[in-house]
Amino acid sequence: MGPLLSIIIPAYDEEERLPSTIQKILDFIDRQDFDVELLVIDNGSRDRTAAIVREAAREHSNVFLYQEATAGKGLAVRRGMLQAIGEFRFICDADLSMPIDEVLKFLPPRLENIDIAIGSREAPGAVRHDEPLYRHWVGRAFNALVGLIAVRGFKDTQCGFKCFRAAVADDLFGVQQLDGWTFDVEVLFIALKRGYSVVEVPINWYFFPSSRIRVFRDSINMFLDLFRIRRNWQEKKYIRQDR
């Protein structure tokens, strides 16, 4: 029988943040009465990211390293979701901008009978800490575009903390296409078309200035991705071949 929870960290040049993040997650795991695996997906790092994970894996049998040759958060998350064996599969940003203990909000018994739970910095009860005003408004503008073009009804589609039931993850990430930042919107788009239940979970979220996103350049690519998602749907690219 596999673990209850798989924690999946996409990592690109994270040698500075990973040691602390891995240790905090291992400490969290030690406090739980259920099994957890930690998967780190190194996607094209040029630093010691992979070496740090290998060192942790040698000491902890529930830590695993997977590598992709090229960068892309969507690519890394897809690899992790399809490699994971947990009953619940949780995407976790490497900076732990959401304290790891809050993952319990996404799991039974706190949350029952939901296919997908997405962390939200905007839902009632959520708190943002230390975020620059310009970053907040860029995020709000993009979320408005998401609602107009691709996915309606969510206050925060881009938060990096999301949890999927195993069968749902296998289904969605088996057809998901985008390798970059907008994979979140793409997965939610497919999920709603499939009829899966999705709920936003309010979280505490802390801004760290070492965020990997390049606000203006990446925002343009993400905007174009919204139209790619709709085109992919029209071209039936989200139909599983094994169905």
C-alpha atoms as a PDB file:
ATOM      1  CA  MET A   1       0.000   0.000   0.000  1.00  0.00           C
ATOM      2  CA  GLY A   2       1.389   3.395  -1.007  1.00  0.00           C
ATOM      3  CA  PRO A   3       1.656   6.596   1.043  1.00  0.00           C
ATOM      4  CA  LEU A   4      -1.328   8.775   1.764  1.00  0.00           C
ATOM      5  CA  LEU A   5       0.457  11.885   0.511  1.00  0.00           C
ATOM      6  CA  SER A   6       2.994  12.695  -2.194  1.00  0.00           C
ATOM      7  CA  ILE A   7       4.637  16.134  -1.949  1.00  0.00           C
ATOM      8  CA  ILE A   8       5.988  17.252  -5.322  1.00  0.00           C
ATOM      9  CA  ILE A   9       8.514  20.081  -5.591  1.00  0.00           C
ATOM     10  CA  PRO A  10       9.487  21.434  -9.019  1.00  0.00           C
ATOM     11  CA  ALA A  11      13.023  22.785  -8.656  1.00  0.00           C
ATOM     12  CA  TYR A  12      15.143  24.942 -10.939  1.00  0.00           C
ATOM     13  CA  ASP A  13      18.457  26.218  -9.527  1.00  0.00           C
ATOM     14  CA  GLU A  14      17.274  25.825  -5.934  1.00  0.00           C
ATOM     15  CA  GLU A  15      20.527  24.926  -4.152  1.00  0.00           C
ATOM     16  CA  GLU A  16      20.116  27.802  -1.697  1.00  0.00           C
ATOM     17  CA  ARG A  17      16.512  27.168  -0.664  1.00  0.00           C
ATOM     18  CA  LEU A  18      16.225  23.386  -0.950  1.00  0.00           C
ATOM     19  CA  PRO A  19      18.218  22.288   2.136  1.00  0.00           C
ATOM     20  CA  SER A  20      15.966  24.276   4.456  1.00  0.00           C
ATOM     21  CA  THR A  21      12.806  23.315   2.568  1.00  0.00           C
ATOM     22  CA  ILE A  22      13.601  19.602   2.570  1.00  0.00           C
ATOM     23  CA  GLN A  23      14.405  19.653   6.278  1.00  0.00           C
ATOM     24  CA  LYS A  24      11.158  21.463   7.124  1.00  0.00           C
ATOM     25  CA  ILE A  25       9.181  18.935   5.103  1.00  0.00           C
ATOM     26  CA  LEU A  26      10.966  15.991   6.728  1.00  0.00           C
ATOM     27  CA  ASP A  27      10.224  17.479  10.156  1.00  0.00           C
ATOM     28  CA  PHE A  28       6.571  17.801   9.128  1.00  0.00           C
ATOM     29  CA  ILE A  29       6.510  14.182   7.956  1.00  0.00           C
ATOM     30  CA  ASP A  30       7.940  13.005  11.285  1.00  0.00           C
ATOM     31  CA  ARG A  31       4.993  14.623  13.082  1.00  0.00           C
ATOM     32  CA  GLN A  32       2.335  12.796  11.034  1.00  0.00           C
ATOM     33  CA  ASP A  33       0.668   9.446  11.645  1.00  0.00           C
ATOM     34  CA  PHE A  34       0.445   8.684   7.919  1.00  0.00           C
ATOM     35  CA  ASP A  35       3.064   7.910   5.262  1.00  0.00           C
ATOM     36  CA  VAL A  36       4.397  10.667   3.011  1.00  0.00           C
ATOM     37  CA  GLU A  37       6.801  10.622   0.066  1.00  0.00           C
ATOM     38  CA  LEU A  38       8.731  13.664  -1.146  1.00  0.00           C
ATOM     39  CA  LEU A  39       9.547  13.959  -4.853  1.00  0.00           C
ATOM     40  CA  VAL A  40      11.832  16.720  -6.117  1.00  0.00           C
ATOM     41  CA  ILE A  41      11.809  17.268  -9.868  1.00  0.00           C
ATOM     42  CA  ASP A  42      15.013  18.944 -11.023  1.00  0.00           C
ATOM     43  CA  ASN A  43      14.201  20.513 -14.367  1.00  0.00           C
ATOM     44  CA  GLY A  44      17.384  21.671 -16.007  1.00  0.00           C
ATOM     45  CA  SER A  45      19.173  23.115 -12.977  1.00  0.00           C
ATOM     46  CA  ARG A  46      22.731  24.364 -13.461  1.00  0.00           C
ATOM     47  CA  ASP A  47      23.684  24.308  -9.783  1.00  0.00           C
ATOM     48  CA  ARG A  48      23.776  21.660  -7.019  1.00  0.00           C
ATOM     49  CA  THR A  49      20.030  21.140  -6.846  1.00  0.00           C
ATOM     50  CA  ALA A  50      20.239  17.481  -7.890  1.00  0.00           C
ATOM     51  CA  ALA A  51      23.200  16.763  -5.590  1.00  0.00           C
ATOM     52  CA  ILE A  52      21.340  18.179  -2.579  1.00  0.00           C
ATOM     53  CA  VAL A  53      18.334  15.944  -3.248  1.00  0.00           C
ATOM     54  CA  ARG A  54      20.554  12.889  -3.759  1.00  0.00           C
ATOM     55  CA  GLU A  55      22.163  13.513  -0.376  1.00  0.00           C
ATOM     56  CA  ALA A  56      18.733  13.686   1.276  1.00  0.00           C
ATOM     57  CA  ALA A  57      17.581  10.558  -0.573  1.00  0.00           C
ATOM     58  CA  ARG A  58      20.558   8.581   0.720  1.00  0.00           C
ATOM     59  CA  GLU A  59      19.479   9.316   4.283  1.00  0.00           C
ATOM     60  CA  HIS A  60      15.702   9.127   3.821  1.00  0.00           C
ATOM     61  CA  SER A  61      13.990   6.324   1.895  1.00  0.00           C
ATOM     62  CA  ASN A  62      10.920   8.466   1.212  1.00  0.00           C
ATOM     63  CA  VAL A  63      12.832  11.182  -0.692  1.00  0.00           C
ATOM     64  CA  PHE A  64      13.149  10.795  -4.460  1.00  0.00           C
ATOM     65  CA  LEU A  65      14.905  12.755  -7.213  1.00  0.00           C
ATOM     66  CA  TYR A  66      13.663  12.905 -10.804  1.00  0.00           C
ATOM     67  CA  GLN A  67      15.308  14.948 -13.516  1.00  0.00           C
ATOM     68  CA  GLU A  68      14.164  16.659 -16.683  1.00  0.00           C
ATOM     69  CA  ALA A  69      16.760  18.049 -19.057  1.00  0.00           C
ATOM     70  CA  THR A  70      14.930  21.321 -19.726  1.00  0.00           C
ATOM     71  CA  ALA A  71      13.360  23.984 -17.545  1.00  0.00           C
ATOM     72  CA  GLY A  72       9.614  24.482 -17.223  1.00  0.00           C
ATOM     73  CA  LYS A  73       7.435  24.297 -14.135  1.00  0.00           C
ATOM     74  CA  GLY A  74       4.601  22.610 -16.004  1.00  0.00           C
ATOM     75  CA  LEU A  75       6.961  19.956 -17.312  1.00  0.00           C
ATOM     76  CA  ALA A  76       8.384  19.303 -13.850  1.00  0.00           C
ATOM     77  CA  VAL A  77       4.997  19.107 -12.146  1.00  0.00           C
ATOM     78  CA  ARG A  78       3.666  16.753 -14.814  1.00  0.00           C
ATOM     79  CA  ARG A  79       6.627  14.421 -14.301  1.00  0.00           C
ATOM     80  CA  GLY A  80       6.168  14.471 -10.543  1.00  0.00           C
ATOM     81  CA  MET A  81       2.424  13.887 -10.642  1.00  0.00           C
ATOM     82  CA  LEU A  82       2.820  10.878 -12.928  1.00  0.00           C
ATOM     83  CA  GLN A  83       5.705   9.414 -10.901  1.00  0.00           C
ATOM     84  CA  ALA A  84       3.996   9.851  -7.530  1.00  0.00           C
ATOM     85  CA  ILE A  85       2.140   6.979  -5.872  1.00  0.00           C
ATOM     86  CA  GLY A  86       0.351   8.792  -3.047  1.00  0.00           C
ATOM     87  CA  GLU A  87      -3.419   8.788  -2.639  1.00  0.00           C
ATOM     88  CA  PHE A  88      -3.183  12.593  -2.611  1.00  0.00           C
ATOM     89  CA  ARG A  89      -0.596  14.491  -4.675  1.00  0.00           C
ATOM     90  CA  PHE A  90       0.407  17.951  -3.569  1.00  0.00           C
ATOM     91  CA  ILE A  91       2.333  20.539  -5.585  1.00  0.00           C
ATOM     92  CA  CYS A  92       4.631  22.526  -3.320  1.00  0.00           C
ATOM     93  CA  ASP A  93       6.789  25.512  -4.295  1.00  0.00           C
ATOM     94  CA  ALA A  94      10.444  25.178  -3.339  1.00  0.00           C
ATOM     95  CA  ASP A  95      10.415  28.412  -1.349  1.00  0.00           C
ATOM     96  CA  LEU A  96       7.704  27.115   1.029  1.00  0.00           C
ATOM     97  CA  SER A  97       5.902  30.434   0.745  1.00  0.00           C
ATOM     98  CA  MET A  98       3.014  28.535   2.341  1.00  0.00           C
ATOM     99  CA  PRO A  99       4.140  26.916   5.631  1.00  0.00           C
ATOM    100  CA  ILE A 100       4.157  23.164   5.051  1.00  0.00           C
ATOM    101  CA  ASP A 101       1.886  22.395   8.023  1.00  0.00           C
ATOM    102  CA  GLU A 102      -0.952  24.009   6.090  1.00  0.00           C
ATOM    103  CA  VAL A 103      -1.004  21.029   3.729  1.00  0.00           C
ATOM    104  CA  LEU A 104      -3.289  19.419   6.313  1.00  0.00           C
ATOM    105  CA  LYS A 105      -6.012  21.852   5.206  1.00  0.00           C
ATOM    106  CA  PHE A 106      -6.056  20.039   1.853  1.00  0.00           C
ATOM    107  CA  LEU A 107      -6.475  16.506   3.235  1.00  0.00           C
ATOM    108  CA  PRO A 108      -9.095  14.465   5.076  1.00  0.00           C
ATOM    109  CA  PRO A 109     -10.459  14.923   7.657  1.00  0.00           C
ATOM    110  CA  ARG A 110     -10.142  18.693   7.177  1.00  0.00           C
ATOM    111  CA  LEU A 111     -11.342  18.410   3.575  1.00  0.00           C
ATOM    112  CA  GLU A 112     -13.484  15.533   2.353  1.00  0.00           C
ATOM    113  CA  ASN A 113     -14.823  14.340  -1.007  1.00  0.00           C
ATOM    114  CA  ILE A 114     -13.037  16.909  -3.178  1.00  0.00           C
ATOM    115  CA  ASP A 115     -11.121  16.013  -6.350  1.00  0.00           C
ATOM    116  CA  ILE A 116      -8.858  19.073  -6.428  1.00  0.00           C
ATOM    117  CA  ALA A 117      -8.026  21.608  -3.714  1.00  0.00           C
ATOM    118  CA  ILE A 118      -6.131  24.727  -4.738  1.00  0.00           C
ATOM    119  CA  GLY A 119      -4.371  27.077  -2.365  1.00  0.00           C
ATOM    120  CA  SER A 120      -5.748  30.594  -2.515  1.00  0.00           C
ATOM    121  CA  ARG A 121      -4.236  33.879  -1.429  1.00  0.00           C
ATOM    122  CA  GLU A 122      -7.548  35.642  -2.116  1.00  0.00           C
ATOM    123  CA  ALA A 123     -10.251  33.405  -0.611  1.00  0.00           C
ATOM    124  CA  PRO A 124     -11.862  34.579   2.658  1.00  0.00           C
ATOM    125  CA  GLY A 125      -9.469  33.837   5.508  1.00  0.00           C
ATOM    126  CA  ALA A 126      -6.313  33.946   3.386  1.00  0.00           C
ATOM    127  CA  VAL A 127      -3.459  36.236   4.412  1.00  0.00           C
ATOM    128  CA  ARG A 128      -0.680  37.595   2.192  1.00  0.00           C
ATOM    129  CA  HIS A 129       2.524  38.605   3.957  1.00  0.00           C
ATOM    130  CA  ASP A 130       5.073  41.167   2.664  1.00  0.00           C
ATOM    131  CA  GLU A 131       3.951  41.109  -0.973  1.00  0.00           C
ATOM    132  CA  PRO A 132       4.890  44.231  -2.999  1.00  0.00           C
ATOM    133  CA  LEU A 133       1.865  46.101  -4.271  1.00  0.00           C
ATOM    134  CA  TYR A 134       2.912  45.817  -7.925  1.00  0.00           C
ATOM    135  CA  ARG A 135       3.149  42.008  -7.668  1.00  0.00           C
ATOM    136  CA  HIS A 136      -0.288  41.846  -6.127  1.00  0.00           C
ATOM    137  CA  TRP A 137      -1.900  43.892  -8.887  1.00  0.00           C
ATOM    138  CA  VAL A 138      -0.109  42.029 -11.673  1.00  0.00           C
ATOM    139  CA  GLY A 139      -1.500  38.827 -10.201  1.00  0.00           C
ATOM    140  CA  ARG A 140      -4.999  40.287  -9.906  1.00  0.00           C
ATOM    141  CA  ALA A 141      -4.881  41.463 -13.532  1.00  0.00           C
ATOM    142  CA  PHE A 142      -3.801  38.049 -14.779  1.00  0.00           C
ATOM    143  CA  ASN A 143      -6.479  36.305 -12.734  1.00  0.00           C
ATOM    144  CA  ALA A 144      -9.074  38.583 -14.321  1.00  0.00           C
ATOM    145  CA  LEU A 145      -7.823  37.556 -17.773  1.00  0.00           C
ATOM    146  CA  VAL A 146      -7.980  33.901 -16.744  1.00  0.00           C
ATOM    147  CA  GLY A 147     -11.620  34.399 -15.807  1.00  0.00           C
ATOM    148  CA  LEU A 148     -12.437  36.097 -19.110  1.00  0.00           C
ATOM    149  CA  ILE A 149     -10.613  33.674 -21.410  1.00  0.00           C
ATOM    150  CA  ALA A 150     -10.199  30.264 -19.784  1.00  0.00           C
ATOM    151  CA  VAL A 151     -11.432  29.453 -16.259  1.00  0.00           C
ATOM    152  CA  ARG A 152     -14.153  31.297 -14.365  1.00  0.00           C
ATOM    153  CA  GLY A 153     -15.100  31.278 -10.723  1.00  0.00           C
ATOM    154  CA  PHE A 154     -11.708  31.214  -8.969  1.00  0.00           C
ATOM    155  CA  LYS A 155     -10.052  34.011  -7.053  1.00  0.00           C
ATOM    156  CA  ASP A 156      -6.497  32.662  -7.394  1.00  0.00           C
ATOM    157  CA  THR A 157      -5.498  30.134 -10.052  1.00  0.00           C
ATOM    158  CA  GLN A 158      -1.742  30.720  -9.864  1.00  0.00           C
ATOM    159  CA  CYS A 159      -0.885  29.905  -6.262  1.00  0.00           C
ATOM    160  CA  GLY A 160       1.795  27.207  -6.279  1.00  0.00           C
ATOM    161  CA  PHE A 161       0.103  24.870  -3.780  1.00  0.00           C
ATOM    162  CA  LYS A 162      -2.479  22.436  -5.151  1.00  0.00           C
ATOM    163  CA  CYS A 163      -3.669  18.966  -4.171  1.00  0.00           C
ATOM    164  CA  PHE A 164      -5.128  16.257  -6.430  1.00  0.00           C
ATOM    165  CA  ARG A 165      -6.635  12.859  -5.755  1.00  0.00           C
ATOM    166  CA  ALA A 166      -4.449  10.189  -7.370  1.00  0.00           C
ATOM    167  CA  ALA A 167      -6.879   9.105 -10.103  1.00  0.00           C
ATOM    168  CA  VAL A 168      -7.629  12.732 -10.945  1.00  0.00           C
ATOM    169  CA  ALA A 169      -3.928  13.578 -11.184  1.00  0.00           C
ATOM    170  CA  ASP A 170      -3.293  10.611 -13.487  1.00  0.00           C
ATOM    171  CA  ASP A 171      -6.179  11.661 -15.711  1.00  0.00           C
ATOM    172  CA  LEU A 172      -5.362  15.375 -15.951  1.00  0.00           C
ATOM    173  CA  PHE A 173      -1.580  15.258 -16.122  1.00  0.00           C
ATOM    174  CA  GLY A 174      -1.776  12.427 -18.617  1.00  0.00           C
ATOM    175  CA  VAL A 175      -3.105  14.932 -21.168  1.00  0.00           C
ATOM    176  CA  GLN A 176      -1.782  18.275 -19.890  1.00  0.00           C
ATOM    177  CA  GLN A 177       0.358  20.000 -22.551  1.00  0.00           C
ATOM    178  CA  LEU A 178       1.934  23.273 -21.394  1.00  0.00           C
ATOM    179  CA  ASP A 179       5.469  23.134 -19.987  1.00  0.00           C
ATOM    180  CA  GLY A 180       5.549  26.630 -18.509  1.00  0.00           C
ATOM    181  CA  TRP A 181       3.889  28.620 -15.719  1.00  0.00           C
ATOM    182  CA  THR A 182       0.337  28.462 -17.094  1.00  0.00           C
ATOM    183  CA  PHE A 183      -0.021  24.720 -16.545  1.00  0.00           C
ATOM    184  CA  ASP A 184      -2.161  25.589 -13.474  1.00  0.00           C
ATOM    185  CA  VAL A 185      -4.851  27.206 -15.593  1.00  0.00           C
ATOM    186  CA  GLU A 186      -4.648  24.424 -18.175  1.00  0.00           C
ATOM    187  CA  VAL A 187      -5.173  21.707 -15.574  1.00  0.00           C
ATOM    188  CA  LEU A 188      -8.108  23.546 -14.019  1.00  0.00           C
ATOM    189  CA  PHE A 189      -9.617  24.104 -17.469  1.00  0.00           C
ATOM    190  CA  ILE A 190      -9.465  20.388 -18.250  1.00  0.00           C
ATOM    191  CA  ALA A 191     -10.715  19.495 -14.762  1.00  0.00           C
ATOM    192  CA  LEU A 192     -13.841  21.593 -15.126  1.00  0.00           C
ATOM    193  CA  LYS A 193     -14.496  20.168 -18.576  1.00  0.00           C
ATOM    194  CA  ARG A 194     -14.180  16.691 -17.028  1.00  0.00           C
ATOM    195  CA  GLY A 195     -16.628  17.585 -14.258  1.00  0.00           C
ATOM    196  CA  TYR A 196     -14.214  17.284 -11.329  1.00  0.00           C
ATOM    197  CA  SER A 197     -14.931  19.121  -8.094  1.00  0.00           C
ATOM    198  CA  VAL A 198     -12.531  21.967  -7.280  1.00  0.00           C
ATOM    199  CA  VAL A 199     -12.370  24.057  -4.108  1.00  0.00           C
ATOM    200  CA  GLU A 200     -10.160  26.983  -3.073  1.00  0.00           C
ATOM    201  CA  VAL A 201      -8.425  26.674   0.303  1.00  0.00           C
ATOM    202  CA  PRO A 202      -7.416  29.939   2.031  1.00  0.00           C
ATOM    203  CA  ILE A 203      -3.778  29.908   3.096  1.00  0.00           C
ATOM    204  CA  ASN A 204      -1.120  32.012   4.758  1.00  0.00           C
ATOM    205  CA  TRP A 205       1.308  33.028   2.033  1.00  0.00           C
ATOM    206  CA  TYR A 206       4.654  34.788   2.375  1.00  0.00           C
ATOM    207  CA  PHE A 207       6.336  36.720  -0.419  1.00  0.00           C
ATOM    208  CA  PHE A 208      10.026  35.966  -0.986  1.00  0.00           C
ATOM    209  CA  PRO A 209      11.936  38.244  -3.384  1.00  0.00           C
ATOM    210  CA  SER A 210      13.880  35.329  -4.902  1.00  0.00           C
ATOM    211  CA  SER A 211      10.787  34.181  -6.832  1.00  0.00           C
ATOM    212  CA  ARG A 212      11.760  32.597 -10.178  1.00  0.00           C
ATOM    213  CA  ILE A 213       9.006  34.272 -12.177  1.00  0.00           C
ATOM    214  CA  ARG A 214      10.013  37.195 -14.410  1.00  0.00           C
ATOM    215  CA  VAL A 215       6.921  39.290 -13.976  1.00  0.00           C
ATOM    216  CA  PHE A 216       6.608  41.155 -17.269  1.00  0.00           C
ATOM    217  CA  ARG A 217       8.139  38.697 -19.769  1.00  0.00           C
ATOM    218  CA  ASP A 218       6.446  35.679 -18.222  1.00  0.00           C
ATOM    219  CA  SER A 219       3.124  37.525 -17.991  1.00  0.00           C
ATOM    220  CA  ILE A 220       3.082  37.965 -21.775  1.00  0.00           C
ATOM    221  CA  ASN A 221       3.768  34.266 -22.371  1.00  0.00           C
ATOM    222  CA  MET A 222       1.136  33.315 -19.811  1.00  0.00           C
ATOM    223  CA  PHE A 223      -1.423  35.549 -21.524  1.00  0.00           C
ATOM    224  CA  LEU A 224      -0.747  33.838 -24.857  1.00  0.00           C
ATOM    225  CA  ASP A 225      -1.011  30.455 -23.162  1.00  0.00           C
ATOM    226  CA  LEU A 226      -4.636  31.184 -22.265  1.00  0.00           C
ATOM    227  CA  PHE A 227      -5.473  31.130 -25.970  1.00  0.00           C
ATOM    228  CA  ARG A 228      -3.327  28.036 -26.513  1.00  0.00           C
ATOM    229  CA  ILE A 229      -5.432  26.230 -23.907  1.00  0.00           C
ATOM    230  CA  ARG A 230      -8.657  27.027 -25.737  1.00  0.00           C
ATOM    231  CA  ARG A 231      -7.079  26.013 -29.049  1.00  0.00           C
ATOM    232  CA  ASN A 232      -5.839  22.725 -27.580  1.00  0.00           C
ATOM    233  CA  TRP A 233      -9.368  21.984 -26.381  1.00  0.00           C
ATOM    234  CA  GLN A 234     -10.834  22.746 -29.806  1.00  0.00           C
ATOM    235  CA  GLU A 235      -8.229  20.501 -31.428  1.00  0.00           C
ATOM    236  CA  LYS A 236      -9.146  17.698 -28.967  1.00  0.00           C
ATOM    237  CA  LYS A 237      -5.629  17.480 -27.541  1.00  0.00           C
ATOM    238  CA  TYR A 238      -6.975  16.752 -24.065  1.00  0.00           C
ATOM    239  CA  ILE A 239      -8.559  13.426 -24.974  1.00  0.00           C
ATOM    240  CA  ARG A 240      -6.711  10.482 -23.438  1.00  0.00           C
ATOM    241  CA  GLN A 241      -5.551   8.031 -26.074  1.00  0.00           C
ATOM    242  CA  ASP A 242      -6.175   5.022 -23.824  1.00  0.00           C
ATOM    243  CA  ARG A 243      -9.883   5.801 -23.418  1.00  0.00           C
END
